[in-house]
């Protein structure tokens, strides 16, 4: 997987997440990314894991920010 494909995929995920409407949506994405990192994390490069972790942390921040 090339860096261009990774960045393109990350941008797709970013724009998808920006369009999430509910906390339930955010929870589902958090669960999916957790699962992906847990089940496929060893098949990814360190950079890919770091990018997904950064994305996961950002979604968690958005979730917590909108919790109240």
Protein backbone atom coordinates (compact mmCIF):
# COMPACT_ATOMS: atom_id res chain seq x y z
CA UNK A 1 0.00 0.00 0.00
CA UNK A 2 1.53 3.30 -1.07
CA UNK A 3 1.61 6.48 0.98
CA UNK A 4 -0.71 8.12 -1.54
CA UNK A 5 -3.30 5.38 -1.02
CA UNK A 6 -2.94 5.68 2.75
CA UNK A 7 -3.35 9.45 2.67
CA UNK A 8 -6.28 9.17 0.28
CA UNK A 9 -7.92 6.63 2.59
CA UNK A 10 -7.24 8.79 5.63
CA UNK A 11 -8.84 11.78 3.91
CA UNK A 12 -11.87 9.69 2.97
CA UNK A 13 -12.23 8.61 6.59
CA UNK A 14 -11.73 12.20 7.79
CA UNK A 15 -14.49 13.56 5.55
CA UNK A 16 -16.76 10.66 6.50
CA UNK A 17 -16.24 11.33 10.19
CA UNK A 18 -16.80 15.05 9.74
CA UNK A 19 -20.25 14.18 8.42
CA UNK A 20 -21.21 12.01 11.39
CA UNK A 21 -24.43 13.18 12.92
CA UNK A 22 -24.71 11.39 16.23
CA UNK A 23 -22.74 10.15 19.17
CA UNK A 24 -23.83 6.64 18.20
CA UNK A 25 -22.09 7.11 14.86
CA UNK A 26 -18.92 8.19 16.64
CA UNK A 27 -19.14 5.21 19.02
CA UNK A 28 -19.47 2.82 16.09
CA UNK A 29 -16.44 4.32 14.34
CA UNK A 30 -14.44 4.11 17.57
CA UNK A 31 -15.35 0.42 17.92
CA UNK A 32 -14.50 -0.26 14.27
CA UNK A 33 -11.11 1.45 14.46
CA UNK A 34 -10.31 -0.30 17.74
CA UNK A 35 -11.15 -3.62 16.11
CA UNK A 36 -9.10 -2.81 13.01
CA UNK A 37 -6.07 -1.84 15.07
CA UNK A 38 -6.42 -4.90 17.29
CA UNK A 39 -7.03 -7.44 14.54
CA UNK A 40 -4.93 -6.05 11.68
CA UNK A 41 -2.47 -3.80 13.49
CA UNK A 42 0.42 -6.21 13.10
CA UNK A 43 -0.09 -6.25 9.32
CA UNK A 44 0.30 -2.46 9.16
CA UNK A 45 3.41 -0.34 9.12
CA UNK A 46 4.25 1.76 12.14
CA UNK A 47 3.14 4.86 10.22
CA UNK A 48 -0.22 3.33 9.33
CA UNK A 49 -0.84 2.37 12.97
CA UNK A 50 0.18 5.86 14.13
CA UNK A 51 -2.19 7.49 11.64
CA UNK A 52 -5.09 5.30 12.69
CA UNK A 53 -4.31 5.92 16.35
CA UNK A 54 -4.28 9.67 15.73
CA UNK A 55 -7.62 9.42 13.95
CA UNK A 56 -9.05 7.27 16.73
CA UNK A 57 -7.89 9.75 19.37
CA UNK A 58 -9.42 12.65 17.45
CA UNK A 59 -12.77 10.85 17.19
CA UNK A 60 -12.67 10.08 20.90
CA UNK A 61 -12.02 13.77 21.61
CA UNK A 62 -14.98 14.73 19.40
CA UNK A 63 -17.11 12.15 21.15
CA UNK A 64 -16.16 13.46 24.61
CA UNK A 65 -16.58 17.08 23.51
CA UNK A 66 -20.13 16.38 22.33
CA UNK A 67 -21.04 14.06 25.20
CA UNK A 68 -22.74 16.70 27.33
